[in-house]
Amino acid sequence: MQEDAVGSAPMLGKRKIGLALSSGMARGWAHIGALRALGRLGVQFDVIAGASAGALVGGCYLAGKLDELEDWASSLNKRRIMSYLDLQLGYGGLIKGDRLRMELRRALGPLRIETLPTPFVAVATDLVTGHEIWLQKGDLADALRASFSLPGLFPPIELEGRWLADGALVDPLPVAACRALGAEMVIAVNLNTDIIGKSRDAARLPGSFSLDPLTLAEDKQKPFIASLTESLTRGIFRRDPDRPSIFGVMTTSLSIMQDRLTRSRLAGDPPDVHITPRVGHIGLLEFDRTEEAVREGEEAVERRRDEIADALEVMRLIRGGAS
């Protein structure tokens, strides 16, 4: 576990290419399409850093599980998504997350970050100090869970004596992590830039997240628990016709924060190639829109094809001159 700008020393004699994958919740499936399109262009990365959804996709990619992740994501529908939302009282989050944890563990097993074929950083946030934590070693599944533990939704994860939460709270697009690990060229896939898409979707704000957690109560065996669960979910997720739910306010506020924080971070350390999928119209919890998000990730890379090719040619010339 590493903090702030602490990282591995750059390798001499080799110009590294880094990939930064942003947060984005359900929009994160666009990273799958972007990785596939970059692969078709022959781009190879020497370091990958991700925050939240970006960490999940980047980690699965390096673990050789990208196809499995896409198949699982494509199988999601509203009812199946609801089956993973094991509501709880207390413990730092509305959703216990055990079902998602078991699914992630089943896919990744005991794989460790340091055994991945390419250096990888999953960004998380220390809830006590507020520091940015770079997870570069240890259990991969645990690191990914920490990186996407959205405060209020999922409980924080305790790793090595620290309580860790979503990396998007401190760095939604970890370009700096790639630089610190020696990347001289960074390609960034940023899912927090589509203002037009977000504006087009603004009219749906009261019910823009498309999920109805009240269906969870239908499966409860005991009438008392069913009544309690229904009461809680109505209070938290209820959609009135003219105002957002509590949960809607929380997730939309996170989206605004990510957008502003990303702009601030990029002003000081912009990527060399900035890929911006148009996914603002996809709700933050619309995990069932996988095909649409993946397609837009691919198209976003295609829109930057010439810029990527030019950047790779510059790196090839620099590497050739250094050898």
C-alpha atoms as a PDB file:
ATOM      1  CA  MET A   1       0.000   0.000   0.000  1.00  0.00           C
ATOM      2  CA  GLN A   2       1.473   3.315  -1.075  1.00  0.00           C
ATOM      3  CA  GLU A   3       0.463   6.885  -0.464  1.00  0.00           C
ATOM      4  CA  ASP A   4       0.407  10.110  -2.483  1.00  0.00           C
ATOM      5  CA  ALA A   5       3.317  10.268  -4.969  1.00  0.00           C
ATOM      6  CA  VAL A   6       5.216   7.280  -3.628  1.00  0.00           C
ATOM      7  CA  GLY A   7       5.798   4.642  -6.310  1.00  0.00           C
ATOM      8  CA  SER A   8       8.286   2.438  -8.045  1.00  0.00           C
ATOM      9  CA  ALA A   9      11.365   4.101  -9.496  1.00  0.00           C
ATOM     10  CA  PRO A  10      11.234   4.696 -13.269  1.00  0.00           C
ATOM     11  CA  MET A  11      13.161   2.180 -15.357  1.00  0.00           C
ATOM     12  CA  LEU A  12      16.134   3.684 -17.137  1.00  0.00           C
ATOM     13  CA  GLY A  13      16.546   3.110 -20.848  1.00  0.00           C
ATOM     14  CA  LYS A  14      12.848   2.584 -21.580  1.00  0.00           C
ATOM     15  CA  ARG A  15      10.133   5.114 -22.278  1.00  0.00           C
ATOM     16  CA  LYS A  16       6.994   3.911 -20.577  1.00  0.00           C
ATOM     17  CA  ILE A  17       3.408   4.267 -21.753  1.00  0.00           C
ATOM     18  CA  GLY A  18       0.780   4.546 -19.028  1.00  0.00           C
ATOM     19  CA  LEU A  19      -2.992   4.118 -19.037  1.00  0.00           C
ATOM     20  CA  ALA A  20      -5.222   5.983 -16.567  1.00  0.00           C
ATOM     21  CA  LEU A  21      -8.817   4.749 -16.198  1.00  0.00           C
ATOM     22  CA  SER A  22     -11.311   7.006 -14.467  1.00  0.00           C
ATOM     23  CA  SER A  23     -14.144   6.394 -12.053  1.00  0.00           C
ATOM     24  CA  GLY A  24     -17.696   6.391 -13.367  1.00  0.00           C
ATOM     25  CA  MET A  25     -19.823   3.695 -11.679  1.00  0.00           C
ATOM     26  CA  ALA A  26     -22.072   2.103 -14.348  1.00  0.00           C
ATOM     27  CA  ARG A  27     -20.402   4.194 -17.024  1.00  0.00           C
ATOM     28  CA  GLY A  28     -17.240   2.244 -16.219  1.00  0.00           C
ATOM     29  CA  TRP A  29     -18.211  -0.486 -18.692  1.00  0.00           C
ATOM     30  CA  ALA A  30     -17.030   1.969 -21.374  1.00  0.00           C
ATOM     31  CA  HIS A  31     -13.478   1.143 -20.267  1.00  0.00           C
ATOM     32  CA  ILE A  32     -13.983  -2.378 -21.613  1.00  0.00           C
ATOM     33  CA  GLY A  33     -14.660  -1.040 -25.092  1.00  0.00           C
ATOM     34  CA  ALA A  34     -11.782   1.431 -24.865  1.00  0.00           C
ATOM     35  CA  LEU A  35      -9.308  -1.306 -23.903  1.00  0.00           C
ATOM     36  CA  ARG A  36     -10.457  -3.503 -26.770  1.00  0.00           C
ATOM     37  CA  ALA A  37     -10.132  -0.661 -29.284  1.00  0.00           C
ATOM     38  CA  LEU A  38      -6.685   0.326 -27.976  1.00  0.00           C
ATOM     39  CA  GLY A  39      -5.606  -3.295 -28.288  1.00  0.00           C
ATOM     40  CA  ARG A  40      -6.686  -3.352 -31.932  1.00  0.00           C
ATOM     41  CA  LEU A  41      -4.484  -0.300 -32.509  1.00  0.00           C
ATOM     42  CA  GLY A  42      -1.527  -2.215 -31.081  1.00  0.00           C
ATOM     43  CA  VAL A  43      -1.138  -0.082 -27.958  1.00  0.00           C
ATOM     44  CA  GLN A  44       0.777  -1.812 -25.164  1.00  0.00           C
ATOM     45  CA  PHE A  45       0.992  -0.337 -21.695  1.00  0.00           C
ATOM     46  CA  ASP A  46       3.851  -0.403 -19.213  1.00  0.00           C
ATOM     47  CA  VAL A  47       1.707   0.719 -16.260  1.00  0.00           C
ATOM     48  CA  ILE A  48      -2.044   0.957 -15.612  1.00  0.00           C
ATOM     49  CA  ALA A  49      -3.739   2.982 -12.875  1.00  0.00           C
ATOM     50  CA  GLY A  50      -7.453   3.080 -12.150  1.00  0.00           C
ATOM     51  CA  ALA A  51      -9.908   4.584  -9.701  1.00  0.00           C
ATOM     52  CA  SER A  52     -13.187   2.936  -8.710  1.00  0.00           C
ATOM     53  CA  ALA A  53     -14.788   1.457 -11.866  1.00  0.00           C
ATOM     54  CA  GLY A  54     -11.522   2.129 -13.700  1.00  0.00           C
ATOM     55  CA  ALA A  55      -9.630   0.042 -11.163  1.00  0.00           C
ATOM     56  CA  LEU A  56     -12.135  -2.797 -11.527  1.00  0.00           C
ATOM     57  CA  VAL A  57     -11.860  -2.931 -15.314  1.00  0.00           C
ATOM     58  CA  GLY A  58      -8.094  -2.352 -15.362  1.00  0.00           C
ATOM     59  CA  GLY A  59      -7.458  -5.035 -12.748  1.00  0.00           C
ATOM     60  CA  CYS A  60      -9.633  -7.585 -14.546  1.00  0.00           C
ATOM     61  CA  TYR A  61      -7.920  -6.726 -17.841  1.00  0.00           C
ATOM     62  CA  LEU A  62      -4.451  -7.421 -16.433  1.00  0.00           C
ATOM     63  CA  ALA A  63      -5.747 -10.586 -14.751  1.00  0.00           C
ATOM     64  CA  GLY A  64      -6.886 -11.871 -18.155  1.00  0.00           C
ATOM     65  CA  LYS A  65     -10.531 -11.678 -17.069  1.00  0.00           C
ATOM     66  CA  LEU A  66     -11.827  -8.929 -19.351  1.00  0.00           C
ATOM     67  CA  ASP A  67     -13.975 -11.308 -21.421  1.00  0.00           C
ATOM     68  CA  GLU A  68     -15.434 -12.807 -18.260  1.00  0.00           C
ATOM     69  CA  LEU A  69     -16.153  -9.345 -16.845  1.00  0.00           C
ATOM     70  CA  GLU A  70     -17.909  -8.266 -20.032  1.00  0.00           C
ATOM     71  CA  ASP A  71     -19.978 -11.457 -20.152  1.00  0.00           C
ATOM     72  CA  TRP A  72     -21.031 -10.946 -16.535  1.00  0.00           C
ATOM     73  CA  ALA A  73     -21.824  -7.263 -17.102  1.00  0.00           C
ATOM     74  CA  SER A  74     -23.806  -8.077 -20.246  1.00  0.00           C
ATOM     75  CA  SER A  75     -25.909 -10.575 -18.283  1.00  0.00           C
ATOM     76  CA  LEU A  76     -27.078  -7.910 -15.849  1.00  0.00           C
ATOM     77  CA  ASN A  77     -30.670  -6.839 -15.929  1.00  0.00           C
ATOM     78  CA  LYS A  78     -32.581  -4.839 -13.348  1.00  0.00           C
ATOM     79  CA  ARG A  79     -33.740  -7.871 -11.380  1.00  0.00           C
ATOM     80  CA  ARG A  80     -30.274  -9.461 -11.347  1.00  0.00           C
ATOM     81  CA  ILE A  81     -28.714  -6.188 -10.258  1.00  0.00           C
ATOM     82  CA  MET A  82     -31.173  -6.079  -7.388  1.00  0.00           C
ATOM     83  CA  SER A  83     -30.118  -9.592  -6.343  1.00  0.00           C
ATOM     84  CA  TYR A  84     -26.619  -8.255  -5.598  1.00  0.00           C
ATOM     85  CA  LEU A  85     -27.878  -5.414  -3.404  1.00  0.00           C
ATOM     86  CA  ASP A  86     -27.895  -7.015   0.035  1.00  0.00           C
ATOM     87  CA  LEU A  87     -29.237  -4.157   2.138  1.00  0.00           C
ATOM     88  CA  GLN A  88     -28.022  -3.827   5.717  1.00  0.00           C
ATOM     89  CA  LEU A  89     -28.329  -1.537   8.708  1.00  0.00           C
ATOM     90  CA  GLY A  90     -25.130   0.201   9.777  1.00  0.00           C
ATOM     91  CA  TYR A  91     -21.580  -1.024   9.137  1.00  0.00           C
ATOM     92  CA  GLY A  92     -20.735   2.007   7.030  1.00  0.00           C
ATOM     93  CA  GLY A  93     -22.917   1.426   3.981  1.00  0.00           C
ATOM     94  CA  LEU A  94     -26.423   0.687   2.761  1.00  0.00           C
ATOM     95  CA  ILE A  95     -25.255  -2.410   0.890  1.00  0.00           C
ATOM     96  CA  LYS A  96     -23.233  -5.065   2.661  1.00  0.00           C
ATOM     97  CA  GLY A  97     -21.564  -6.127  -0.572  1.00  0.00           C
ATOM     98  CA  ASP A  98     -21.046  -9.806   0.292  1.00  0.00           C
ATOM     99  CA  ARG A  99     -22.645 -11.035  -2.930  1.00  0.00           C
ATOM    100  CA  LEU A 100     -20.482  -8.793  -5.078  1.00  0.00           C
ATOM    101  CA  ARG A 101     -17.437  -9.759  -3.039  1.00  0.00           C
ATOM    102  CA  MET A 102     -18.104 -13.472  -3.640  1.00  0.00           C
ATOM    103  CA  GLU A 103     -18.588 -12.848  -7.376  1.00  0.00           C
ATOM    104  CA  LEU A 104     -15.290 -10.958  -7.553  1.00  0.00           C
ATOM    105  CA  ARG A 105     -13.500 -13.618  -5.529  1.00  0.00           C
ATOM    106  CA  ARG A 106     -14.875 -16.346  -7.769  1.00  0.00           C
ATOM    107  CA  ALA A 107     -13.524 -14.553 -10.844  1.00  0.00           C
ATOM    108  CA  LEU A 108     -10.093 -13.529  -9.508  1.00  0.00           C
ATOM    109  CA  GLY A 109      -9.317 -16.142  -6.874  1.00  0.00           C
ATOM    110  CA  PRO A 110      -6.278 -15.386  -4.679  1.00  0.00           C
ATOM    111  CA  LEU A 111      -4.473 -13.394  -7.404  1.00  0.00           C
ATOM    112  CA  ARG A 112      -2.073 -10.757  -6.074  1.00  0.00           C
ATOM    113  CA  ILE A 113      -1.314  -7.384  -7.639  1.00  0.00           C
ATOM    114  CA  GLU A 114       2.435  -7.952  -7.685  1.00  0.00           C
ATOM    115  CA  THR A 115       2.000 -11.061  -9.880  1.00  0.00           C
ATOM    116  CA  LEU A 116       0.183  -9.176 -12.649  1.00  0.00           C
ATOM    117  CA  PRO A 117       2.091  -8.914 -15.953  1.00  0.00           C
ATOM    118  CA  THR A 118       2.094  -5.089 -15.811  1.00  0.00           C
ATOM    119  CA  PRO A 119       2.494  -2.741 -12.827  1.00  0.00           C
ATOM    120  CA  PHE A 120      -0.959  -1.775 -11.584  1.00  0.00           C
ATOM    121  CA  VAL A 121      -2.289   0.841  -9.169  1.00  0.00           C
ATOM    122  CA  ALA A 122      -5.777   0.838  -7.671  1.00  0.00           C
ATOM    123  CA  VAL A 123      -6.511   4.224  -6.098  1.00  0.00           C
ATOM    124  CA  ALA A 124      -8.358   4.339  -2.775  1.00  0.00           C
ATOM    125  CA  THR A 125      -9.013   6.926  -0.073  1.00  0.00           C
ATOM    126  CA  ASP A 126      -7.958   6.685   3.570  1.00  0.00           C
ATOM    127  CA  LEU A 127     -11.091   7.660   5.492  1.00  0.00           C
ATOM    128  CA  VAL A 128      -9.110   8.713   8.575  1.00  0.00           C
ATOM    129  CA  THR A 129      -6.427  10.916   7.015  1.00  0.00           C
ATOM    130  CA  GLY A 130      -8.066  11.737   3.675  1.00  0.00           C
ATOM    131  CA  HIS A 131      -4.880  10.663   1.901  1.00  0.00           C
ATOM    132  CA  GLU A 132      -4.779   9.158  -1.560  1.00  0.00           C
ATOM    133  CA  ILE A 133      -3.661   5.536  -1.265  1.00  0.00           C
ATOM    134  CA  TRP A 134      -2.049   3.647  -4.148  1.00  0.00           C
ATOM    135  CA  LEU A 135      -2.602  -0.092  -3.813  1.00  0.00           C
ATOM    136  CA  GLN A 136       0.274  -1.764  -5.668  1.00  0.00           C
ATOM    137  CA  LYS A 137       0.598  -5.049  -3.811  1.00  0.00           C
ATOM    138  CA  GLY A 138      -1.550  -7.550  -1.973  1.00  0.00           C
ATOM    139  CA  ASP A 139      -4.800  -9.277  -2.805  1.00  0.00           C
ATOM    140  CA  LEU A 140      -6.219  -7.960  -6.092  1.00  0.00           C
ATOM    141  CA  ALA A 141      -9.877  -8.560  -5.256  1.00  0.00           C
ATOM    142  CA  ASP A 142      -9.553  -6.704  -1.939  1.00  0.00           C
ATOM    143  CA  ALA A 143      -7.807  -3.773  -3.630  1.00  0.00           C
ATOM    144  CA  LEU A 144     -10.541  -3.488  -6.256  1.00  0.00           C
ATOM    145  CA  ARG A 145     -13.256  -3.639  -3.584  1.00  0.00           C
ATOM    146  CA  ALA A 146     -11.549  -0.830  -1.669  1.00  0.00           C
ATOM    147  CA  SER A 147     -11.228   1.309  -4.789  1.00  0.00           C
ATOM    148  CA  PHE A 148     -14.945   1.140  -5.638  1.00  0.00           C
ATOM    149  CA  SER A 149     -16.357   1.306  -2.082  1.00  0.00           C
ATOM    150  CA  LEU A 150     -18.604   4.306  -2.666  1.00  0.00           C
ATOM    151  CA  PRO A 151     -19.241   6.023   0.703  1.00  0.00           C
ATOM    152  CA  GLY A 152     -22.800   5.579   1.878  1.00  0.00           C
ATOM    153  CA  LEU A 153     -23.426   2.715  -0.535  1.00  0.00           C
ATOM    154  CA  PHE A 154     -20.697   0.177   0.283  1.00  0.00           C
ATOM    155  CA  PRO A 155     -18.889  -0.102   3.620  1.00  0.00           C
ATOM    156  CA  PRO A 156     -15.197   0.837   3.673  1.00  0.00           C
ATOM    157  CA  ILE A 157     -12.611  -1.948   3.485  1.00  0.00           C
ATOM    158  CA  GLU A 158      -9.967  -2.421   6.186  1.00  0.00           C
ATOM    159  CA  LEU A 159      -6.544  -3.185   4.691  1.00  0.00           C
ATOM    160  CA  GLU A 160      -3.303  -3.126   6.676  1.00  0.00           C
ATOM    161  CA  GLY A 161      -4.889  -1.111   9.475  1.00  0.00           C
ATOM    162  CA  ARG A 162      -6.468   1.518   7.209  1.00  0.00           C
ATOM    163  CA  TRP A 163     -10.140   2.033   6.440  1.00  0.00           C
ATOM    164  CA  LEU A 164     -10.291   2.573   2.696  1.00  0.00           C
ATOM    165  CA  ALA A 165     -13.067   3.931   0.481  1.00  0.00           C
ATOM    166  CA  ASP A 166     -13.641   4.882  -3.146  1.00  0.00           C
ATOM    167  CA  GLY A 167     -10.596   6.341  -4.904  1.00  0.00           C
ATOM    168  CA  ALA A 168     -12.808   8.799  -6.781  1.00  0.00           C
ATOM    169  CA  LEU A 169     -12.953  10.902  -3.611  1.00  0.00           C
ATOM    170  CA  VAL A 170      -9.338  11.995  -4.100  1.00  0.00           C
ATOM    171  CA  ASP A 171      -8.331  11.255  -7.711  1.00  0.00           C
ATOM    172  CA  PRO A 172     -11.016  10.197 -10.201  1.00  0.00           C
ATOM    173  CA  LEU A 173      -8.471   9.969 -13.058  1.00  0.00           C
ATOM    174  CA  PRO A 174      -5.039   8.842 -11.778  1.00  0.00           C
ATOM    175  CA  VAL A 175      -2.711  10.333 -14.368  1.00  0.00           C
ATOM    176  CA  ALA A 176      -0.304  11.289 -11.563  1.00  0.00           C
ATOM    177  CA  ALA A 177       0.043   7.648 -10.484  1.00  0.00           C
ATOM    178  CA  CYS A 178       1.098   6.672 -14.009  1.00  0.00           C
ATOM    179  CA  ARG A 179       3.657   9.492 -14.082  1.00  0.00           C
ATOM    180  CA  ALA A 180       5.062   8.499 -10.690  1.00  0.00           C
ATOM    181  CA  LEU A 181       5.599   4.947 -11.952  1.00  0.00           C
ATOM    182  CA  GLY A 182       7.680   6.229 -14.847  1.00  0.00           C
ATOM    183  CA  ALA A 183       5.189   6.740 -17.671  1.00  0.00           C
ATOM    184  CA  GLU A 184       6.445   9.407 -20.067  1.00  0.00           C
ATOM    185  CA  MET A 185       3.286   9.203 -22.147  1.00  0.00           C
ATOM    186  CA  VAL A 186      -0.124   8.744 -20.530  1.00  0.00           C
ATOM    187  CA  ILE A 187      -3.331   7.834 -22.301  1.00  0.00           C
ATOM    188  CA  ALA A 188      -6.351   8.648 -20.121  1.00  0.00           C
ATOM    189  CA  VAL A 189      -9.917   7.381 -20.515  1.00  0.00           C
ATOM    190  CA  ASN A 190     -12.133   9.886 -18.719  1.00  0.00           C
ATOM    191  CA  LEU A 191     -15.817   9.097 -18.141  1.00  0.00           C
ATOM    192  CA  ASN A 192     -16.600  12.335 -16.276  1.00  0.00           C
ATOM    193  CA  THR A 193     -16.573  14.865 -19.121  1.00  0.00           C
ATOM    194  CA  ASP A 194     -19.806  14.428 -21.096  1.00  0.00           C
ATOM    195  CA  ILE A 195     -21.604  17.602 -20.029  1.00  0.00           C
ATOM    196  CA  ILE A 196     -23.981  17.492 -23.015  1.00  0.00           C
ATOM    197  CA  GLY A 197     -25.041  13.952 -22.174  1.00  0.00           C
ATOM    198  CA  LYS A 198     -25.524  14.857 -18.531  1.00  0.00           C
ATOM    199  CA  SER A 199     -27.583  17.905 -19.497  1.00  0.00           C
ATOM    200  CA  ARG A 200     -29.740  15.818 -21.820  1.00  0.00           C
ATOM    201  CA  ASP A 201     -30.350  13.432 -18.922  1.00  0.00           C
ATOM    202  CA  ALA A 202     -31.003  16.116 -16.317  1.00  0.00           C
ATOM    203  CA  ALA A 203     -34.753  16.017 -16.794  1.00  0.00           C
ATOM    204  CA  ARG A 204     -34.696  12.429 -15.507  1.00  0.00           C
ATOM    205  CA  LEU A 205     -32.995  13.335 -12.232  1.00  0.00           C
ATOM    206  CA  PRO A 206     -35.813  12.318  -9.859  1.00  0.00           C
ATOM    207  CA  GLY A 207     -35.837   8.805 -11.268  1.00  0.00           C
ATOM    208  CA  SER A 208     -32.674   8.790 -13.321  1.00  0.00           C
ATOM    209  CA  PHE A 209     -31.112   5.745 -11.713  1.00  0.00           C
ATOM    210  CA  SER A 210     -33.688   3.268 -13.111  1.00  0.00           C
ATOM    211  CA  LEU A 211     -33.474   0.756 -10.238  1.00  0.00           C
ATOM    212  CA  ASP A 212     -36.203   0.053  -7.716  1.00  0.00           C
ATOM    213  CA  PRO A 213     -34.717  -1.453  -4.547  1.00  0.00           C
ATOM    214  CA  LEU A 214     -38.244  -1.895  -3.175  1.00  0.00           C
ATOM    215  CA  THR A 215     -38.356  -5.193  -5.041  1.00  0.00           C
ATOM    216  CA  LEU A 216     -35.900  -6.495  -2.459  1.00  0.00           C
ATOM    217  CA  ALA A 217     -38.688  -6.528   0.105  1.00  0.00           C
ATOM    218  CA  GLU A 218     -40.687  -8.984  -1.995  1.00  0.00           C
ATOM    219  CA  ASP A 219     -38.134 -11.704  -1.303  1.00  0.00           C
ATOM    220  CA  LYS A 220     -38.072 -11.354   2.480  1.00  0.00           C
ATOM    221  CA  GLN A 221     -39.471 -14.262   4.463  1.00  0.00           C
ATOM    222  CA  LYS A 222     -40.417 -12.538   7.730  1.00  0.00           C
ATOM    223  CA  PRO A 223     -43.194  -9.931   7.594  1.00  0.00           C
ATOM    224  CA  PHE A 224     -41.466  -7.681  10.138  1.00  0.00           C
ATOM    225  CA  ILE A 225     -38.191  -7.612   8.220  1.00  0.00           C
ATOM    226  CA  ALA A 226     -40.056  -7.113   4.976  1.00  0.00           C
ATOM    227  CA  SER A 227     -41.900  -4.145   6.471  1.00  0.00           C
ATOM    228  CA  LEU A 228     -38.710  -2.662   7.918  1.00  0.00           C
ATOM    229  CA  THR A 229     -36.783  -3.108   4.680  1.00  0.00           C
ATOM    230  CA  GLU A 230     -39.602  -1.593   2.653  1.00  0.00           C
ATOM    231  CA  SER A 231     -39.809   1.388   4.996  1.00  0.00           C
ATOM    232  CA  LEU A 232     -36.078   2.014   4.764  1.00  0.00           C
ATOM    233  CA  THR A 233     -35.867   1.610   1.011  1.00  0.00           C
ATOM    234  CA  ARG A 234     -38.858   3.877   0.461  1.00  0.00           C
ATOM    235  CA  GLY A 235     -37.200   6.578   2.536  1.00  0.00           C
ATOM    236  CA  ILE A 236     -33.848   6.276   0.812  1.00  0.00           C
ATOM    237  CA  PHE A 237     -34.726   5.413  -2.777  1.00  0.00           C
ATOM    238  CA  ARG A 238     -38.275   6.793  -3.152  1.00  0.00           C
ATOM    239  CA  ARG A 239     -38.816   8.815  -6.303  1.00  0.00           C
ATOM    240  CA  ASP A 240     -41.341  11.631  -6.103  1.00  0.00           C
ATOM    241  CA  PRO A 241     -42.447  13.087  -9.440  1.00  0.00           C
ATOM    242  CA  ASP A 242     -40.861  16.475  -8.785  1.00  0.00           C
ATOM    243  CA  ARG A 243     -37.790  15.733  -6.657  1.00  0.00           C
ATOM    244  CA  PRO A 244     -34.890  13.254  -6.446  1.00  0.00           C
ATOM    245  CA  SER A 245     -34.529  10.561  -3.795  1.00  0.00           C
ATOM    246  CA  ILE A 246     -31.943  10.734  -1.024  1.00  0.00           C
ATOM    247  CA  PHE A 247     -29.857   8.222  -2.927  1.00  0.00           C
ATOM    248  CA  GLY A 248     -30.323  10.187  -6.138  1.00  0.00           C
ATOM    249  CA  VAL A 249     -28.965  13.308  -4.470  1.00  0.00           C
ATOM    250  CA  MET A 250     -25.986  11.348  -3.114  1.00  0.00           C
ATOM    251  CA  THR A 251     -24.950   9.784  -6.431  1.00  0.00           C
ATOM    252  CA  THR A 252     -25.541  12.948  -8.461  1.00  0.00           C
ATOM    253  CA  SER A 253     -23.486  14.940  -5.958  1.00  0.00           C
ATOM    254  CA  LEU A 254     -20.675  12.408  -6.343  1.00  0.00           C
ATOM    255  CA  SER A 255     -20.853  12.832 -10.122  1.00  0.00           C
ATOM    256  CA  ILE A 256     -20.520  16.616  -9.800  1.00  0.00           C
ATOM    257  CA  MET A 257     -17.621  16.237  -7.377  1.00  0.00           C
ATOM    258  CA  GLN A 258     -15.811  13.822  -9.699  1.00  0.00           C
ATOM    259  CA  ASP A 259     -16.213  16.181 -12.646  1.00  0.00           C
ATOM    260  CA  ARG A 260     -14.847  19.190 -10.749  1.00  0.00           C
ATOM    261  CA  LEU A 261     -12.030  17.262  -9.076  1.00  0.00           C
ATOM    262  CA  THR A 262     -10.987  15.691 -12.380  1.00  0.00           C
ATOM    263  CA  ARG A 263     -10.812  19.118 -14.025  1.00  0.00           C
ATOM    264  CA  SER A 264      -8.659  20.411 -11.193  1.00  0.00           C
ATOM    265  CA  ARG A 265      -6.263  17.447 -11.272  1.00  0.00           C
ATOM    266  CA  LEU A 266      -5.930  17.530 -15.067  1.00  0.00           C
ATOM    267  CA  ALA A 267      -5.128  21.242 -15.044  1.00  0.00           C
ATOM    268  CA  GLY A 268      -1.928  20.421 -13.180  1.00  0.00           C
ATOM    269  CA  ASP A 269      -1.101  17.114 -14.869  1.00  0.00           C
ATOM    270  CA  PRO A 270      -2.919  16.585 -18.178  1.00  0.00           C
ATOM    271  CA  PRO A 271      -2.575  13.303 -20.095  1.00  0.00           C
ATOM    272  CA  ASP A 272      -0.874  13.178 -23.470  1.00  0.00           C
ATOM    273  CA  VAL A 273      -3.941  11.591 -25.066  1.00  0.00           C
ATOM    274  CA  HIS A 274      -7.351  12.319 -23.547  1.00  0.00           C
ATOM    275  CA  ILE A 275     -10.119   9.879 -24.534  1.00  0.00           C
ATOM    276  CA  THR A 276     -13.598  11.020 -23.504  1.00  0.00           C
ATOM    277  CA  PRO A 277     -16.453   8.546 -24.081  1.00  0.00           C
ATOM    278  CA  ARG A 278     -19.885  10.147 -24.394  1.00  0.00           C
ATOM    279  CA  VAL A 279     -21.619   8.335 -21.554  1.00  0.00           C
ATOM    280  CA  GLY A 280     -23.176  11.195 -19.591  1.00  0.00           C
ATOM    281  CA  HIS A 281     -26.664  10.022 -20.581  1.00  0.00           C
ATOM    282  CA  ILE A 282     -26.123   6.688 -18.781  1.00  0.00           C
ATOM    283  CA  GLY A 283     -27.269   6.822 -15.166  1.00  0.00           C
ATOM    284  CA  LEU A 284     -24.661   6.089 -12.523  1.00  0.00           C
ATOM    285  CA  LEU A 285     -26.519   2.931 -11.470  1.00  0.00           C
ATOM    286  CA  GLU A 286     -27.681   1.774 -14.894  1.00  0.00           C
ATOM    287  CA  PHE A 287     -25.354  -1.215 -14.903  1.00  0.00           C
ATOM    288  CA  ASP A 288     -27.672  -3.005 -17.330  1.00  0.00           C
ATOM    289  CA  ARG A 289     -26.634  -0.710 -20.213  1.00  0.00           C
ATOM    290  CA  THR A 290     -23.381  -2.566 -20.768  1.00  0.00           C
ATOM    291  CA  GLU A 291     -23.563  -2.957 -24.539  1.00  0.00           C
ATOM    292  CA  GLU A 292     -24.206   0.755 -25.007  1.00  0.00           C
ATOM    293  CA  ALA A 293     -21.339   1.782 -22.722  1.00  0.00           C
ATOM    294  CA  VAL A 294     -18.860  -0.672 -24.263  1.00  0.00           C
ATOM    295  CA  ARG A 295     -19.733   0.521 -27.759  1.00  0.00           C
ATOM    296  CA  GLU A 296     -19.194   4.145 -26.798  1.00  0.00           C
ATOM    297  CA  GLY A 297     -15.813   3.279 -25.275  1.00  0.00           C
ATOM    298  CA  GLU A 298     -14.733   1.781 -28.586  1.00  0.00           C
ATOM    299  CA  GLU A 299     -16.060   4.724 -30.573  1.00  0.00           C
ATOM    300  CA  ALA A 300     -14.280   7.207 -28.308  1.00  0.00           C
ATOM    301  CA  VAL A 301     -10.942   5.542 -29.083  1.00  0.00           C
ATOM    302  CA  GLU A 302     -11.753   5.598 -32.802  1.00  0.00           C
ATOM    303  CA  ARG A 303     -12.364   9.343 -32.602  1.00  0.00           C
ATOM    304  CA  ARG A 304      -8.813   9.727 -31.234  1.00  0.00           C
ATOM    305  CA  ARG A 305      -7.231   7.231 -33.637  1.00  0.00           C
ATOM    306  CA  ASP A 306      -4.998   9.756 -35.431  1.00  0.00           C
ATOM    307  CA  GLU A 307      -3.912  11.411 -32.184  1.00  0.00           C
ATOM    308  CA  ILE A 308      -3.046   8.034 -30.673  1.00  0.00           C
ATOM    309  CA  ALA A 309      -1.106   7.010 -33.761  1.00  0.00           C
ATOM    310  CA  ASP A 310       0.897  10.257 -33.694  1.00  0.00           C
ATOM    311  CA  ALA A 311       1.686   9.830 -29.990  1.00  0.00           C
ATOM    312  CA  LEU A 312       2.822   6.239 -30.499  1.00  0.00           C
ATOM    313  CA  GLU A 313       5.040   7.307 -33.395  1.00  0.00           C
ATOM    314  CA  VAL A 314       6.685   9.939 -31.196  1.00  0.00           C
ATOM    315  CA  MET A 315       7.311   7.299 -28.528  1.00  0.00           C
ATOM    316  CA  ARG A 316       8.736   4.926 -31.128  1.00  0.00           C
ATOM    317  CA  LEU A 317      11.172   7.594 -32.354  1.00  0.00           C
ATOM    318  CA  ILE A 318      12.174   8.499 -28.782  1.00  0.00           C
ATOM    319  CA  ARG A 319      12.732   4.848 -27.882  1.00  0.00           C
ATOM    320  CA  GLY A 320      14.708   4.322 -31.057  1.00  0.00           C
ATOM    321  CA  GLY A 321      16.885   7.334 -30.284  1.00  0.00           C
ATOM    322  CA  ALA A 322      17.468   6.150 -26.720  1.00  0.00           C
ATOM    323  CA  SER A 323      18.553   2.652 -27.751  1.00  0.00           C
END
